[in-house]
């Protein structure tokens, strides 16, 4: 077999940019095969056993079918921890870590009560639980697959999170008492017209349940969660959303209509609208 890096880059050159290919090579060589990264740069990545060579070939074939490398490896790094991921669960993105960084910076509580809505792999809830040693963290999702994986991640990372199966769109917030300091959510927010711009490894593999909203109601989940927040959040409780960059203005208007104050739309490291935050005030304030 020719040099592993050359083989991988040649086979996948039409699917990935050079920077992505370098990352894929390193992931396969270091994380999957357990080799030393220095070997790649010294040209020592030729001595593969037959089993290892077959493994590389099978991985490349899966990549040629657009399967995400994170699903192939079975994990991804997020906020310094490894999270198990697989088909049926959205792969955590670096942008979401910016949301967590903001929450931690703005809320120096010792024991906040946090609710994560649409938890997926559990990456937000678990990371916040690990940051706040005495926090009460609940996490909702409608997907049994996601909840199973979130439980697994919480157990492996020794995080204390209460996971519940909840269909947020059907949740009846009437009768709820204010008990939550922070509600955070990265809900579905991609509209069907945006599909044309999506990479095949996302569109063909990641769960559409966690990605898409109706074209005529892109703020569907945000509006419902904001309504729930008005019942569950304590006075001065905070709402944090990861948002579709195309709907920052509409998000601000919706939160104003829902009675929130101190609304801010924050750009991510790439300069795109990415985070919405707001505070619940009493109606007579």
C-alpha atoms as a PDB file:
ATOM      1  CA  UNK A   1       0.000   0.000   0.000  1.00  0.00           C
ATOM      2  CA  UNK A   2       1.311   3.472  -0.851  1.00  0.00           C
ATOM      3  CA  UNK A   3       1.789   6.081   1.867  1.00  0.00           C
ATOM      4  CA  UNK A   4      -1.420   6.273   3.854  1.00  0.00           C
ATOM      5  CA  UNK A   5      -1.713  10.040   3.584  1.00  0.00           C
ATOM      6  CA  UNK A   6      -1.228   9.965  -0.206  1.00  0.00           C
ATOM      7  CA  UNK A   7      -3.724   7.142  -0.605  1.00  0.00           C
ATOM      8  CA  UNK A   8      -6.407   8.880   1.453  1.00  0.00           C
ATOM      9  CA  UNK A   9      -5.891  12.273  -0.183  1.00  0.00           C
ATOM     10  CA  UNK A  10      -5.939  10.794  -3.692  1.00  0.00           C
ATOM     11  CA  UNK A  11      -9.139   8.819  -3.131  1.00  0.00           C
ATOM     12  CA  UNK A  12     -10.984  11.676  -1.437  1.00  0.00           C
ATOM     13  CA  UNK A  13      -9.613  14.672  -3.356  1.00  0.00           C
ATOM     14  CA  UNK A  14     -12.896  15.334  -5.149  1.00  0.00           C
ATOM     15  CA  UNK A  15     -14.953  15.387  -1.957  1.00  0.00           C
ATOM     16  CA  UNK A  16     -12.931  17.376   0.560  1.00  0.00           C
ATOM     17  CA  UNK A  17     -10.901  20.545   0.685  1.00  0.00           C
ATOM     18  CA  UNK A  18      -7.147  20.164   1.397  1.00  0.00           C
ATOM     19  CA  UNK A  19      -7.516  21.366   4.978  1.00  0.00           C
ATOM     20  CA  UNK A  20     -10.270  18.846   5.689  1.00  0.00           C
ATOM     21  CA  UNK A  21      -8.224  16.075   4.094  1.00  0.00           C
ATOM     22  CA  UNK A  22      -5.285  16.813   6.376  1.00  0.00           C
ATOM     23  CA  UNK A  23      -7.583  16.545   9.380  1.00  0.00           C
ATOM     24  CA  UNK A  24      -9.065  13.278   8.105  1.00  0.00           C
ATOM     25  CA  UNK A  25      -5.612  11.794   7.544  1.00  0.00           C
ATOM     26  CA  UNK A  26      -4.571  12.704  11.073  1.00  0.00           C
ATOM     27  CA  UNK A  27      -7.788  11.332  12.558  1.00  0.00           C
ATOM     28  CA  UNK A  28      -7.406   8.012  10.756  1.00  0.00           C
ATOM     29  CA  UNK A  29      -3.694   7.706  11.465  1.00  0.00           C
ATOM     30  CA  UNK A  30      -3.719   8.826  15.109  1.00  0.00           C
ATOM     31  CA  UNK A  31      -7.169   8.240  16.567  1.00  0.00           C
ATOM     32  CA  UNK A  32      -8.336   5.188  14.627  1.00  0.00           C
ATOM     33  CA  UNK A  33      -5.046   3.395  13.966  1.00  0.00           C
ATOM     34  CA  UNK A  34      -3.358   4.649  17.140  1.00  0.00           C
ATOM     35  CA  UNK A  35      -0.187   5.787  15.379  1.00  0.00           C
ATOM     36  CA  UNK A  36       2.113   8.713  16.152  1.00  0.00           C
ATOM     37  CA  UNK A  37       1.234  11.964  14.331  1.00  0.00           C
ATOM     38  CA  UNK A  38       4.934  12.664  13.815  1.00  0.00           C
ATOM     39  CA  UNK A  39       5.167   9.623  11.549  1.00  0.00           C
ATOM     40  CA  UNK A  40       2.974  11.345   8.956  1.00  0.00           C
ATOM     41  CA  UNK A  41       5.346  14.275   8.642  1.00  0.00           C
ATOM     42  CA  UNK A  42       8.441  12.072   8.641  1.00  0.00           C
ATOM     43  CA  UNK A  43       7.051   9.806   5.940  1.00  0.00           C
ATOM     44  CA  UNK A  44       6.959   6.747   8.192  1.00  0.00           C
ATOM     45  CA  UNK A  45       3.298   5.937   7.615  1.00  0.00           C
ATOM     46  CA  UNK A  46       3.969   2.995   5.283  1.00  0.00           C
ATOM     47  CA  UNK A  47       4.293   0.062   7.632  1.00  0.00           C
ATOM     48  CA  UNK A  48       0.717  -1.050   8.008  1.00  0.00           C
ATOM     49  CA  UNK A  49      -0.313  -4.605   8.721  1.00  0.00           C
ATOM     50  CA  UNK A  50      -2.783  -6.271   6.370  1.00  0.00           C
ATOM     51  CA  UNK A  51      -5.520  -5.758   8.952  1.00  0.00           C
ATOM     52  CA  UNK A  52      -4.665  -2.052   9.298  1.00  0.00           C
ATOM     53  CA  UNK A  53      -4.515  -1.545   5.529  1.00  0.00           C
ATOM     54  CA  UNK A  54      -7.924  -3.190   5.109  1.00  0.00           C
ATOM     55  CA  UNK A  55      -9.281  -0.996   7.870  1.00  0.00           C
ATOM     56  CA  UNK A  56      -8.072   2.143   6.108  1.00  0.00           C
ATOM     57  CA  UNK A  57      -9.599   1.007   2.829  1.00  0.00           C
ATOM     58  CA  UNK A  58     -12.973   0.378   4.478  1.00  0.00           C
ATOM     59  CA  UNK A  59     -12.891   3.799   6.150  1.00  0.00           C
ATOM     60  CA  UNK A  60     -12.123   5.488   2.845  1.00  0.00           C
ATOM     61  CA  UNK A  61     -15.003   3.639   1.177  1.00  0.00           C
ATOM     62  CA  UNK A  62     -17.361   4.899   3.889  1.00  0.00           C
ATOM     63  CA  UNK A  63     -16.049   8.434   3.427  1.00  0.00           C
ATOM     64  CA  UNK A  64     -16.646   8.138  -0.315  1.00  0.00           C
ATOM     65  CA  UNK A  65     -20.305   7.528   0.575  1.00  0.00           C
ATOM     66  CA  UNK A  66     -20.237  10.833   2.504  1.00  0.00           C
ATOM     67  CA  UNK A  67     -20.447   9.216   5.944  1.00  0.00           C
ATOM     68  CA  UNK A  68     -19.083  11.699   8.533  1.00  0.00           C
ATOM     69  CA  UNK A  69     -15.687  10.767   9.935  1.00  0.00           C
ATOM     70  CA  UNK A  70     -17.142  11.325  13.419  1.00  0.00           C
ATOM     71  CA  UNK A  71     -19.683   8.541  12.853  1.00  0.00           C
ATOM     72  CA  UNK A  72     -16.964   6.258  11.502  1.00  0.00           C
ATOM     73  CA  UNK A  73     -14.773   6.916  14.527  1.00  0.00           C
ATOM     74  CA  UNK A  74     -17.803   6.802  16.837  1.00  0.00           C
ATOM     75  CA  UNK A  75     -16.872   9.940  18.721  1.00  0.00           C
ATOM     76  CA  UNK A  76     -16.049  13.619  18.434  1.00  0.00           C
ATOM     77  CA  UNK A  77     -14.228  16.108  20.615  1.00  0.00           C
ATOM     78  CA  UNK A  78     -16.292  18.905  22.128  1.00  0.00           C
ATOM     79  CA  UNK A  79     -15.177  21.417  24.757  1.00  0.00           C
ATOM     80  CA  UNK A  80     -12.231  19.205  25.671  1.00  0.00           C
ATOM     81  CA  UNK A  81     -14.189  15.969  26.083  1.00  0.00           C
ATOM     82  CA  UNK A  82     -14.930  13.054  23.771  1.00  0.00           C
ATOM     83  CA  UNK A  83     -18.617  12.472  23.042  1.00  0.00           C
ATOM     84  CA  UNK A  84     -19.978   9.297  21.503  1.00  0.00           C
ATOM     85  CA  UNK A  85     -21.892  10.058  18.302  1.00  0.00           C
ATOM     86  CA  UNK A  86     -23.535   8.022  15.574  1.00  0.00           C
ATOM     87  CA  UNK A  87     -26.378   8.078  13.072  1.00  0.00           C
ATOM     88  CA  UNK A  88     -29.469   9.466  14.747  1.00  0.00           C
ATOM     89  CA  UNK A  89     -27.571  12.101  16.720  1.00  0.00           C
ATOM     90  CA  UNK A  90     -26.420  15.508  15.518  1.00  0.00           C
ATOM     91  CA  UNK A  91     -22.634  15.948  15.572  1.00  0.00           C
ATOM     92  CA  UNK A  92     -21.650  18.787  17.969  1.00  0.00           C
ATOM     93  CA  UNK A  93     -20.215  21.826  16.197  1.00  0.00           C
ATOM     94  CA  UNK A  94     -17.490  24.241  17.326  1.00  0.00           C
ATOM     95  CA  UNK A  95     -20.011  27.101  17.159  1.00  0.00           C
ATOM     96  CA  UNK A  96     -21.993  25.472  19.954  1.00  0.00           C
ATOM     97  CA  UNK A  97     -18.953  25.651  22.219  1.00  0.00           C
ATOM     98  CA  UNK A  98     -19.142  29.435  21.839  1.00  0.00           C
ATOM     99  CA  UNK A  99     -22.674  29.284  23.242  1.00  0.00           C
ATOM    100  CA  UNK A 100     -21.439  27.336  26.269  1.00  0.00           C
ATOM    101  CA  UNK A 101     -18.505  29.701  26.798  1.00  0.00           C
ATOM    102  CA  UNK A 102     -20.925  32.639  26.870  1.00  0.00           C
ATOM    103  CA  UNK A 103     -23.241  30.974  29.387  1.00  0.00           C
ATOM    104  CA  UNK A 104     -20.368  30.130  31.716  1.00  0.00           C
ATOM    105  CA  UNK A 105     -18.856  33.623  31.457  1.00  0.00           C
ATOM    106  CA  UNK A 106     -22.143  35.402  32.157  1.00  0.00           C
ATOM    107  CA  UNK A 107     -23.432  33.157  34.936  1.00  0.00           C
ATOM    108  CA  UNK A 108     -20.916  32.659  37.748  1.00  0.00           C
ATOM    109  CA  UNK A 109     -23.413  30.765  39.895  1.00  0.00           C
ATOM    110  CA  UNK A 110     -22.413  27.874  42.134  1.00  0.00           C
ATOM    111  CA  UNK A 111     -25.615  25.878  41.741  1.00  0.00           C
ATOM    112  CA  UNK A 112     -27.780  27.056  38.840  1.00  0.00           C
ATOM    113  CA  UNK A 113     -30.881  25.209  37.689  1.00  0.00           C
ATOM    114  CA  UNK A 114     -30.415  24.602  33.944  1.00  0.00           C
ATOM    115  CA  UNK A 115     -32.706  23.170  31.282  1.00  0.00           C
ATOM    116  CA  UNK A 116     -31.301  22.083  27.889  1.00  0.00           C
ATOM    117  CA  UNK A 117     -34.052  21.597  25.293  1.00  0.00           C
ATOM    118  CA  UNK A 118     -33.262  19.320  22.342  1.00  0.00           C
ATOM    119  CA  UNK A 119     -30.161  17.817  23.930  1.00  0.00           C
ATOM    120  CA  UNK A 120     -29.121  15.393  21.159  1.00  0.00           C
ATOM    121  CA  UNK A 121     -25.790  13.864  22.200  1.00  0.00           C
ATOM    122  CA  UNK A 122     -26.088  15.702  25.521  1.00  0.00           C
ATOM    123  CA  UNK A 123     -23.066  17.857  24.714  1.00  0.00           C
ATOM    124  CA  UNK A 124     -24.510  21.120  26.071  1.00  0.00           C
ATOM    125  CA  UNK A 125     -26.119  19.704  29.207  1.00  0.00           C
ATOM    126  CA  UNK A 126     -23.135  17.518  30.086  1.00  0.00           C
ATOM    127  CA  UNK A 127     -20.567  20.259  29.517  1.00  0.00           C
ATOM    128  CA  UNK A 128     -22.536  22.679  31.695  1.00  0.00           C
ATOM    129  CA  UNK A 129     -22.964  20.030  34.379  1.00  0.00           C
ATOM    130  CA  UNK A 130     -19.211  19.472  34.435  1.00  0.00           C
ATOM    131  CA  UNK A 131     -18.578  23.227  34.624  1.00  0.00           C
ATOM    132  CA  UNK A 132     -21.047  23.869  37.456  1.00  0.00           C
ATOM    133  CA  UNK A 133     -20.251  21.257  40.079  1.00  0.00           C
ATOM    134  CA  UNK A 134     -23.471  21.771  42.034  1.00  0.00           C
ATOM    135  CA  UNK A 135     -25.846  22.551  39.181  1.00  0.00           C
ATOM    136  CA  UNK A 136     -29.198  20.897  38.651  1.00  0.00           C
ATOM    137  CA  UNK A 137     -29.255  20.093  34.947  1.00  0.00           C
ATOM    138  CA  UNK A 138     -32.202  18.653  33.046  1.00  0.00           C
ATOM    139  CA  UNK A 139     -32.158  17.826  29.346  1.00  0.00           C
ATOM    140  CA  UNK A 140     -35.084  17.105  27.035  1.00  0.00           C
ATOM    141  CA  UNK A 141     -35.274  15.367  23.690  1.00  0.00           C
ATOM    142  CA  UNK A 142     -37.967  13.635  21.652  1.00  0.00           C
ATOM    143  CA  UNK A 143     -35.592  11.021  20.176  1.00  0.00           C
ATOM    144  CA  UNK A 144     -35.038   7.732  22.004  1.00  0.00           C
ATOM    145  CA  UNK A 145     -31.831   7.273  20.025  1.00  0.00           C
ATOM    146  CA  UNK A 146     -30.499  10.628  21.145  1.00  0.00           C
ATOM    147  CA  UNK A 147     -31.460  10.059  24.774  1.00  0.00           C
ATOM    148  CA  UNK A 148     -29.737   6.669  24.806  1.00  0.00           C
ATOM    149  CA  UNK A 149     -26.533   8.214  23.493  1.00  0.00           C
ATOM    150  CA  UNK A 150     -26.798  11.212  25.847  1.00  0.00           C
ATOM    151  CA  UNK A 151     -27.142   8.847  28.819  1.00  0.00           C
ATOM    152  CA  UNK A 152     -24.056   6.976  27.621  1.00  0.00           C
ATOM    153  CA  UNK A 153     -22.054  10.203  27.300  1.00  0.00           C
ATOM    154  CA  UNK A 154     -23.112  11.429  30.737  1.00  0.00           C
ATOM    155  CA  UNK A 155     -22.103   8.129  32.308  1.00  0.00           C
ATOM    156  CA  UNK A 156     -18.701   8.016  30.610  1.00  0.00           C
ATOM    157  CA  UNK A 157     -17.943  11.644  31.537  1.00  0.00           C
ATOM    158  CA  UNK A 158     -19.364  11.292  35.070  1.00  0.00           C
ATOM    159  CA  UNK A 159     -21.822  14.148  34.578  1.00  0.00           C
ATOM    160  CA  UNK A 160     -24.986  14.509  36.634  1.00  0.00           C
ATOM    161  CA  UNK A 161     -27.784  15.218  34.163  1.00  0.00           C
ATOM    162  CA  UNK A 162     -31.469  14.273  34.333  1.00  0.00           C
ATOM    163  CA  UNK A 163     -32.620  13.247  30.850  1.00  0.00           C
ATOM    164  CA  UNK A 164     -36.320  13.267  29.965  1.00  0.00           C
ATOM    165  CA  UNK A 165     -38.228  12.347  26.821  1.00  0.00           C
ATOM    166  CA  UNK A 166     -40.248  15.446  25.985  1.00  0.00           C
ATOM    167  CA  UNK A 167     -41.842  16.645  22.754  1.00  0.00           C
ATOM    168  CA  UNK A 168     -41.305  20.345  23.302  1.00  0.00           C
ATOM    169  CA  UNK A 169     -43.915  21.340  20.698  1.00  0.00           C
ATOM    170  CA  UNK A 170     -46.568  19.453  22.678  1.00  0.00           C
ATOM    171  CA  UNK A 171     -45.370  20.515  26.117  1.00  0.00           C
ATOM    172  CA  UNK A 172     -48.079  22.180  28.212  1.00  0.00           C
ATOM    173  CA  UNK A 173     -46.394  24.944  30.154  1.00  0.00           C
ATOM    174  CA  UNK A 174     -49.571  26.012  31.926  1.00  0.00           C
ATOM    175  CA  UNK A 175     -49.355  25.357  35.642  1.00  0.00           C
ATOM    176  CA  UNK A 176     -45.535  25.291  35.649  1.00  0.00           C
ATOM    177  CA  UNK A 177     -43.836  27.233  38.420  1.00  0.00           C
ATOM    178  CA  UNK A 178     -40.732  29.381  37.875  1.00  0.00           C
ATOM    179  CA  UNK A 179     -37.781  27.230  38.928  1.00  0.00           C
ATOM    180  CA  UNK A 180     -35.133  27.490  36.196  1.00  0.00           C
ATOM    181  CA  UNK A 181     -32.227  29.945  36.035  1.00  0.00           C
ATOM    182  CA  UNK A 182     -31.098  29.172  32.493  1.00  0.00           C
ATOM    183  CA  UNK A 183     -32.824  27.643  29.475  1.00  0.00           C
ATOM    184  CA  UNK A 184     -30.497  26.792  26.602  1.00  0.00           C
ATOM    185  CA  UNK A 185     -31.380  25.268  23.252  1.00  0.00           C
ATOM    186  CA  UNK A 186     -29.871  24.469  19.888  1.00  0.00           C
ATOM    187  CA  UNK A 187     -33.104  23.346  18.203  1.00  0.00           C
ATOM    188  CA  UNK A 188     -33.809  22.520  14.547  1.00  0.00           C
ATOM    189  CA  UNK A 189     -33.509  25.707  12.497  1.00  0.00           C
ATOM    190  CA  UNK A 190     -32.618  24.879   8.873  1.00  0.00           C
ATOM    191  CA  UNK A 191     -35.297  25.574   6.257  1.00  0.00           C
ATOM    192  CA  UNK A 192     -35.853  23.335   3.190  1.00  0.00           C
ATOM    193  CA  UNK A 193     -34.559  25.992   0.786  1.00  0.00           C
ATOM    194  CA  UNK A 194     -31.193  25.852   2.553  1.00  0.00           C
ATOM    195  CA  UNK A 195     -30.738  22.169   1.723  1.00  0.00           C
ATOM    196  CA  UNK A 196     -29.086  22.996  -1.609  1.00  0.00           C
ATOM    197  CA  UNK A 197     -26.152  24.602   0.203  1.00  0.00           C
ATOM    198  CA  UNK A 198     -25.597  21.754   2.640  1.00  0.00           C
ATOM    199  CA  UNK A 199     -22.775  19.228   2.485  1.00  0.00           C
ATOM    200  CA  UNK A 200     -23.764  15.677   1.580  1.00  0.00           C
ATOM    201  CA  UNK A 201     -22.220  14.272   4.770  1.00  0.00           C
ATOM    202  CA  UNK A 202     -24.738  16.349   6.741  1.00  0.00           C
ATOM    203  CA  UNK A 203     -27.780  16.086   4.491  1.00  0.00           C
ATOM    204  CA  UNK A 204     -27.501  12.359   3.842  1.00  0.00           C
ATOM    205  CA  UNK A 205     -26.417  11.196   7.286  1.00  0.00           C
ATOM    206  CA  UNK A 206     -27.353  13.487  10.176  1.00  0.00           C
ATOM    207  CA  UNK A 207     -30.905  13.263  11.573  1.00  0.00           C
ATOM    208  CA  UNK A 208     -33.371  15.515   9.789  1.00  0.00           C
ATOM    209  CA  UNK A 209     -35.444  15.582  12.971  1.00  0.00           C
ATOM    210  CA  UNK A 210     -32.662  17.621  14.580  1.00  0.00           C
ATOM    211  CA  UNK A 211     -32.006  19.833  11.563  1.00  0.00           C
ATOM    212  CA  UNK A 212     -35.086  21.037   9.725  1.00  0.00           C
ATOM    213  CA  UNK A 213     -38.073  23.293  10.315  1.00  0.00           C
ATOM    214  CA  UNK A 214     -40.996  24.175   8.026  1.00  0.00           C
ATOM    215  CA  UNK A 215     -40.211  26.790   5.410  1.00  0.00           C
ATOM    216  CA  UNK A 216     -43.154  28.922   6.494  1.00  0.00           C
ATOM    217  CA  UNK A 217     -42.256  28.870  10.218  1.00  0.00           C
ATOM    218  CA  UNK A 218     -38.468  28.967  10.743  1.00  0.00           C
ATOM    219  CA  UNK A 219     -38.847  30.109  14.374  1.00  0.00           C
ATOM    220  CA  UNK A 220     -41.243  27.299  15.285  1.00  0.00           C
ATOM    221  CA  UNK A 221     -39.128  25.800  18.065  1.00  0.00           C
ATOM    222  CA  UNK A 222     -37.759  29.091  19.337  1.00  0.00           C
ATOM    223  CA  UNK A 223     -41.236  30.554  19.780  1.00  0.00           C
ATOM    224  CA  UNK A 224     -42.468  27.550  21.734  1.00  0.00           C
ATOM    225  CA  UNK A 225     -39.363  27.465  23.933  1.00  0.00           C
ATOM    226  CA  UNK A 226     -39.713  31.192  24.596  1.00  0.00           C
ATOM    227  CA  UNK A 227     -43.298  30.570  25.718  1.00  0.00           C
ATOM    228  CA  UNK A 228     -42.134  27.786  28.012  1.00  0.00           C
ATOM    229  CA  UNK A 229     -39.445  30.093  29.368  1.00  0.00           C
ATOM    230  CA  UNK A 230     -42.025  32.637  30.442  1.00  0.00           C
ATOM    231  CA  UNK A 231     -43.481  29.961  32.734  1.00  0.00           C
ATOM    232  CA  UNK A 232     -40.378  28.049  33.843  1.00  0.00           C
ATOM    233  CA  UNK A 233     -37.742  30.766  34.177  1.00  0.00           C
ATOM    234  CA  UNK A 234     -37.320  32.602  37.452  1.00  0.00           C
ATOM    235  CA  UNK A 235     -37.360  36.393  37.438  1.00  0.00           C
ATOM    236  CA  UNK A 236     -34.097  37.493  35.770  1.00  0.00           C
ATOM    237  CA  UNK A 237     -33.779  33.982  34.342  1.00  0.00           C
ATOM    238  CA  UNK A 238     -31.940  33.784  31.046  1.00  0.00           C
ATOM    239  CA  UNK A 239     -32.701  32.260  27.674  1.00  0.00           C
ATOM    240  CA  UNK A 240     -29.881  31.245  25.324  1.00  0.00           C
ATOM    241  CA  UNK A 241     -30.364  30.021  21.750  1.00  0.00           C
ATOM    242  CA  UNK A 242     -28.084  28.905  18.955  1.00  0.00           C
ATOM    243  CA  UNK A 243     -29.776  30.374  15.891  1.00  0.00           C
ATOM    244  CA  UNK A 244     -29.942  30.340  12.115  1.00  0.00           C
ATOM    245  CA  UNK A 245     -27.735  33.213  10.966  1.00  0.00           C
ATOM    246  CA  UNK A 246     -30.404  34.311   8.454  1.00  0.00           C
ATOM    247  CA  UNK A 247     -33.021  35.092  11.105  1.00  0.00           C
ATOM    248  CA  UNK A 248     -31.352  37.336  13.662  1.00  0.00           C
ATOM    249  CA  UNK A 249     -33.766  40.217  13.102  1.00  0.00           C
ATOM    250  CA  UNK A 250     -36.812  37.954  13.253  1.00  0.00           C
ATOM    251  CA  UNK A 251     -35.471  36.313  16.414  1.00  0.00           C
ATOM    252  CA  UNK A 252     -35.146  39.659  18.169  1.00  0.00           C
ATOM    253  CA  UNK A 253     -38.685  40.653  17.173  1.00  0.00           C
ATOM    254  CA  UNK A 254     -40.115  37.334  18.370  1.00  0.00           C
ATOM    255  CA  UNK A 255     -38.411  37.580  21.765  1.00  0.00           C
ATOM    256  CA  UNK A 256     -39.693  41.130  22.158  1.00  0.00           C
ATOM    257  CA  UNK A 257     -43.217  39.943  21.375  1.00  0.00           C
ATOM    258  CA  UNK A 258     -42.825  37.185  23.965  1.00  0.00           C
ATOM    259  CA  UNK A 259     -42.026  39.780  26.626  1.00  0.00           C
ATOM    260  CA  UNK A 260     -38.277  39.292  27.043  1.00  0.00           C
ATOM    261  CA  UNK A 261     -35.821  42.112  27.670  1.00  0.00           C
ATOM    262  CA  UNK A 262     -32.072  42.704  27.282  1.00  0.00           C
ATOM    263  CA  UNK A 263     -32.212  40.850  23.975  1.00  0.00           C
ATOM    264  CA  UNK A 264     -28.915  40.474  22.152  1.00  0.00           C
ATOM    265  CA  UNK A 265     -27.953  38.772  18.901  1.00  0.00           C
ATOM    266  CA  UNK A 266     -24.298  37.742  19.008  1.00  0.00           C
ATOM    267  CA  UNK A 267     -22.017  36.845  16.112  1.00  0.00           C
ATOM    268  CA  UNK A 268     -19.792  33.774  16.123  1.00  0.00           C
ATOM    269  CA  UNK A 269     -16.084  33.633  15.362  1.00  0.00           C
ATOM    270  CA  UNK A 270     -16.905  33.643  11.625  1.00  0.00           C
ATOM    271  CA  UNK A 271     -18.946  36.839  11.896  1.00  0.00           C
ATOM    272  CA  UNK A 272     -22.357  35.182  11.499  1.00  0.00           C
ATOM    273  CA  UNK A 273     -25.364  35.759  13.740  1.00  0.00           C
ATOM    274  CA  UNK A 274     -25.186  32.667  15.949  1.00  0.00           C
ATOM    275  CA  UNK A 275     -26.468  33.250  19.482  1.00  0.00           C
ATOM    276  CA  UNK A 276     -29.586  34.937  20.811  1.00  0.00           C
ATOM    277  CA  UNK A 277     -29.912  35.709  24.493  1.00  0.00           C
ATOM    278  CA  UNK A 278     -32.632  37.346  26.528  1.00  0.00           C
ATOM    279  CA  UNK A 279     -33.780  37.863  30.120  1.00  0.00           C
ATOM    280  CA  UNK A 280     -37.176  37.224  31.618  1.00  0.00           C
ATOM    281  CA  UNK A 281     -38.568  40.211  33.528  1.00  0.00           C
ATOM    282  CA  UNK A 282     -41.802  40.370  35.469  1.00  0.00           C
ATOM    283  CA  UNK A 283     -44.517  41.887  33.312  1.00  0.00           C
ATOM    284  CA  UNK A 284     -44.940  44.793  35.753  1.00  0.00           C
ATOM    285  CA  UNK A 285     -41.213  45.667  35.869  1.00  0.00           C
END
